[in-house]
Amino acid sequence: MTGYVKYDKEADMLCVRFSDESIDHTVPVDDLRRIDYSLDNPVVGLEFVDASGGVDLRDMPFRAKAEALLGDSGLDLPLLV
């Protein structure tokens, strides 16, 4: 599984993508976290609103992979794990 991280500083929005599959639908976990799914429902990414306040990975799918991608990204965002 490949992946990448995109952070929009202006919007304070972080996207962690696990694959290049198209996003079919997004399901909110809470006000600040969302899970992106492909058409056949595998998780393709995670979205975090207000990321500068902390990226809450608790109870998120592929948590370890997301944490590794964020560490490799060089972004200085606090992680909540």
C-alpha atoms as a PDB file:
ATOM      1  CA  MET A   1       0.000   0.000   0.000  1.00  0.00           C
ATOM      2  CA  THR A   2       1.469   3.337  -1.035  1.00  0.00           C
ATOM      3  CA  GLY A   3       0.440   6.629   0.396  1.00  0.00           C
ATOM      4  CA  TYR A   4       1.024  10.323   0.767  1.00  0.00           C
ATOM      5  CA  VAL A   5       0.058  13.322   2.874  1.00  0.00           C
ATOM      6  CA  LYS A   6      -1.317  16.678   1.726  1.00  0.00           C
ATOM      7  CA  TYR A   7      -1.734  19.631   4.060  1.00  0.00           C
ATOM      8  CA  ASP A   8      -3.532  22.841   3.123  1.00  0.00           C
ATOM      9  CA  LYS A   9      -2.236  25.368   5.636  1.00  0.00           C
ATOM     10  CA  GLU A  10      -4.780  28.027   4.653  1.00  0.00           C
ATOM     11  CA  ALA A  11      -7.733  25.684   5.201  1.00  0.00           C
ATOM     12  CA  ASP A  12      -5.908  23.859   8.036  1.00  0.00           C
ATOM     13  CA  MET A  13      -6.970  20.595   6.388  1.00  0.00           C
ATOM     14  CA  LEU A  14      -4.864  17.445   6.343  1.00  0.00           C
ATOM     15  CA  CYS A  15      -5.481  14.546   3.961  1.00  0.00           C
ATOM     16  CA  VAL A  16      -3.735  11.212   4.386  1.00  0.00           C
ATOM     17  CA  ARG A  17      -4.154   9.031   1.309  1.00  0.00           C
ATOM     18  CA  PHE A  18      -3.411   5.313   1.313  1.00  0.00           C
ATOM     19  CA  SER A  19      -3.952   4.781  -2.412  1.00  0.00           C
ATOM     20  CA  ASP A  20      -4.697   6.647  -5.639  1.00  0.00           C
ATOM     21  CA  GLU A  21      -8.142   5.061  -5.951  1.00  0.00           C
ATOM     22  CA  SER A  22     -10.952   7.529  -6.529  1.00  0.00           C
ATOM     23  CA  ILE A  23     -12.977   8.589  -3.524  1.00  0.00           C
ATOM     24  CA  ASP A  24     -16.607   7.539  -3.889  1.00  0.00           C
ATOM     25  CA  HIS A  25     -17.904   8.712  -0.527  1.00  0.00           C
ATOM     26  CA  THR A  26     -16.724  10.213   2.738  1.00  0.00           C
ATOM     27  CA  VAL A  27     -18.078   9.317   6.157  1.00  0.00           C
ATOM     28  CA  PRO A  28     -17.635  11.685   9.103  1.00  0.00           C
ATOM     29  CA  VAL A  29     -16.283  10.157  12.309  1.00  0.00           C
ATOM     30  CA  ASP A  30     -16.884  13.388  14.201  1.00  0.00           C
ATOM     31  CA  ASP A  31     -16.688  17.145  13.499  1.00  0.00           C
ATOM     32  CA  LEU A  32     -12.933  17.052  12.792  1.00  0.00           C
ATOM     33  CA  ARG A  33     -12.308  13.639  11.205  1.00  0.00           C
ATOM     34  CA  ARG A  34     -13.553  11.861   8.092  1.00  0.00           C
ATOM     35  CA  ILE A  35     -12.856   8.552   6.357  1.00  0.00           C
ATOM     36  CA  ASP A  36     -12.710   8.383   2.547  1.00  0.00           C
ATOM     37  CA  TYR A  37     -13.910   5.208   0.833  1.00  0.00           C
ATOM     38  CA  SER A  38     -13.649   3.938  -2.733  1.00  0.00           C
ATOM     39  CA  LEU A  39     -16.636   2.616  -4.654  1.00  0.00           C
ATOM     40  CA  ASP A  40     -16.161  -0.931  -3.344  1.00  0.00           C
ATOM     41  CA  ASN A  41     -15.654   0.450   0.206  1.00  0.00           C
ATOM     42  CA  PRO A  42     -11.942  -0.007   0.982  1.00  0.00           C
ATOM     43  CA  VAL A  43     -10.577   2.917   2.960  1.00  0.00           C
ATOM     44  CA  VAL A  44      -8.520   5.134   0.656  1.00  0.00           C
ATOM     45  CA  GLY A  45      -7.838   8.033   2.993  1.00  0.00           C
ATOM     46  CA  LEU A  46      -8.420  10.060   6.106  1.00  0.00           C
ATOM     47  CA  GLU A  47      -9.232  13.764   6.425  1.00  0.00           C
ATOM     48  CA  PHE A  48      -8.576  15.978   9.429  1.00  0.00           C
ATOM     49  CA  VAL A  49     -10.074  19.442   9.888  1.00  0.00           C
ATOM     50  CA  ASP A  50      -8.245  21.958  12.145  1.00  0.00           C
ATOM     51  CA  ALA A  51      -5.125  19.788  11.859  1.00  0.00           C
ATOM     52  CA  SER A  52      -2.835  22.363  13.470  1.00  0.00           C
ATOM     53  CA  GLY A  53      -4.742  21.760  16.713  1.00  0.00           C
ATOM     54  CA  GLY A  54      -3.803  18.080  16.601  1.00  0.00           C
ATOM     55  CA  VAL A  55      -4.328  15.060  14.382  1.00  0.00           C
ATOM     56  CA  ASP A  56      -6.455  12.577  16.299  1.00  0.00           C
ATOM     57  CA  LEU A  57      -5.628   9.093  15.017  1.00  0.00           C
ATOM     58  CA  ARG A  58      -7.424   7.275  17.819  1.00  0.00           C
ATOM     59  CA  ASP A  59      -9.989   4.789  16.512  1.00  0.00           C
ATOM     60  CA  MET A  60      -9.035   5.518  12.899  1.00  0.00           C
ATOM     61  CA  PRO A  61      -8.401   2.741  10.359  1.00  0.00           C
ATOM     62  CA  PHE A  62      -4.782   2.203   9.287  1.00  0.00           C
ATOM     63  CA  ARG A  63      -3.638   4.262  12.251  1.00  0.00           C
ATOM     64  CA  ALA A  64      -0.055   2.961  12.184  1.00  0.00           C
ATOM     65  CA  LYS A  65       0.250   3.600   8.426  1.00  0.00           C
ATOM     66  CA  ALA A  66      -1.165   7.121   8.837  1.00  0.00           C
ATOM     67  CA  GLU A  67       1.247   7.830  11.683  1.00  0.00           C
ATOM     68  CA  ALA A  68       4.198   6.610   9.575  1.00  0.00           C
ATOM     69  CA  LEU A  69       3.150   8.717   6.578  1.00  0.00           C
ATOM     70  CA  LEU A  70       2.789  11.788   8.780  1.00  0.00           C
ATOM     71  CA  GLY A  71       6.212  11.165  10.316  1.00  0.00           C
ATOM     72  CA  ASP A  72       7.763  10.840   6.866  1.00  0.00           C
ATOM     73  CA  SER A  73       6.024  14.012   5.655  1.00  0.00           C
ATOM     74  CA  GLY A  74       8.093  16.349   7.841  1.00  0.00           C
ATOM     75  CA  LEU A  75       4.973  18.271   8.861  1.00  0.00           C
ATOM     76  CA  ASP A  76       5.094  19.641  12.379  1.00  0.00           C
ATOM     77  CA  LEU A  77       1.547  18.756  13.422  1.00  0.00           C
ATOM     78  CA  PRO A  78       0.780  17.336  16.875  1.00  0.00           C
ATOM     79  CA  LEU A  79      -0.398  13.716  16.808  1.00  0.00           C
ATOM     80  CA  LEU A  80      -2.958  12.302  19.193  1.00  0.00           C
ATOM     81  CA  VAL A  81      -2.584   8.520  19.267  1.00  0.00           C
END
